[in-house]
Protein backbone atom coordinates (compact mmCIF):
# COMPACT_ATOMS: atom_id res chain seq x y z
CA MET A 1 179.36 -18.44 42.89
CA THR A 2 177.32 -15.47 42.52
CA ALA A 3 177.86 -12.86 39.47
CA ARG A 4 178.57 -9.58 40.51
CA ILE A 5 179.07 -6.54 38.07
CA GLU A 6 180.01 -3.01 38.27
CA LEU A 7 178.89 -0.76 35.43
CA VAL A 8 179.98 2.84 35.34
CA PRO A 9 178.35 5.01 33.68
CA THR A 10 179.48 8.79 32.05
CA LEU A 11 177.62 12.01 30.65
CA GLU A 12 177.98 10.08 27.19
CA HIS A 13 177.02 6.72 28.06
CA CYS A 14 173.93 6.42 30.53
CA ILE A 15 173.64 3.23 32.97
CA GLU A 16 171.00 2.18 30.60
CA THR A 17 173.16 1.98 27.52
CA THR A 18 176.34 0.93 29.60
CA ALA A 19 174.22 -2.16 30.63
CA ARG A 20 173.06 -2.95 27.46
CA GLN A 21 176.51 -2.52 25.72
CA GLU A 22 177.89 -4.86 28.55
CA PHE A 23 175.16 -7.81 28.14
CA SER A 24 176.32 -7.52 24.48
CA ARG A 25 179.62 -7.28 24.77
CA SER A 26 178.87 -10.69 27.49
CA ALA A 27 176.76 -12.33 24.65
CA ASP A 28 178.88 -12.39 22.48
CA ALA A 29 181.62 -13.88 24.52
CA TYR A 30 179.27 -16.48 25.51
CA MET A 31 178.81 -17.09 22.11
CA GLN A 32 182.28 -17.06 20.98
CA GLN A 33 182.82 -19.50 24.02
CA GLY A 34 180.38 -21.83 23.32
CA GLU A 35 178.30 -22.77 26.16
CA GLY A 36 179.24 -24.16 29.79
CA ASP A 37 180.98 -20.87 31.13
CA ARG A 38 178.67 -20.96 34.15
CA LYS A 39 180.26 -17.45 35.42
CA LEU A 40 179.19 -15.71 31.82
CA GLU A 41 175.59 -17.48 32.15
CA GLN A 42 175.15 -15.40 35.41
CA ARG A 43 176.57 -12.62 34.00
CA ILE A 44 174.37 -12.40 31.42
CA GLU A 45 171.45 -13.66 33.28
CA LEU A 46 171.95 -10.51 35.94
CA LEU A 47 172.66 -8.19 33.30
CA ARG A 48 169.04 -8.91 31.66
CA ALA A 49 167.34 -8.78 34.44
CA PHE A 50 168.18 -5.30 35.05
CA LEU A 51 167.83 -4.02 31.72
CA GLU A 52 164.11 -5.51 31.95
CA THR A 53 163.12 -4.46 35.91
CA ALA A 54 165.40 -0.61 36.26
CA ASP A 55 163.64 2.38 36.79
CA PHE A 56 166.04 3.71 33.83
CA LYS A 57 164.69 7.35 34.17
CA LYS A 58 165.10 7.61 37.85
CA LEU A 59 168.59 6.56 37.06
CA ARG A 60 169.86 8.33 34.91
CA ARG A 61 168.42 11.73 36.70
CA GLU A 62 170.04 10.50 40.09
CA SER A 63 173.63 9.42 38.49
CA GLU A 64 173.50 12.30 35.83
CA LYS A 65 173.27 14.98 38.51
CA HIS A 66 176.26 13.66 40.18
CA LEU A 67 178.02 12.93 36.75
CA ALA A 68 177.30 16.84 35.89
CA GLU A 69 179.37 17.72 39.15
CA GLY A 70 182.19 15.60 38.05
CA LYS A 71 181.78 13.47 40.71
CA PRO A 72 182.58 9.48 39.34
CA VAL A 73 179.25 7.00 39.53
CA ARG A 74 179.48 3.40 39.63
CA PHE A 75 176.47 1.16 40.35
CA LEU A 76 177.61 -2.62 41.28
CA LEU A 77 174.75 -5.25 39.96
CA TYR A 78 174.64 -8.45 42.46
CA THR A 79 171.88 -11.07 43.68
CA ASP A 80 170.36 -11.25 46.73
CA LYS A 81 168.46 -14.73 47.39
CA GLY A 82 168.36 -15.09 44.32
CA HIS A 83 166.49 -11.64 42.81
CA PRO A 84 168.66 -9.05 40.91
CA LYS A 85 169.93 -5.83 43.19
CA TYR A 86 171.91 -2.86 42.32
CA GLU A 87 173.77 -0.10 44.58
CA MET A 88 174.36 3.27 43.04
CA LYS A 89 177.77 4.21 44.93
CA VAL A 90 178.93 8.20 44.06
CA GLU A 91 182.77 8.94 44.87
CA HIS A 92 183.25 12.47 46.54
């Protein structure tokens, strides 16, 4: 099973901050549960890869213009053939 993550930035918390917070929550949960939770491991790895490779300046610019117009924005993170991918979805 492949991890799929939905992140919802706001004008108060950009996509990078939202991803960092989710990474921290997932890592804390993993440490509390102990090792062996494969689903949580995949989630942490996907978030780590996103944080290391995404162009957050570009993502902020793209998402914040929609957020400023009052349109909700969601980022969907997933893996495709072992590579981290993401999509930005804007509600109209």
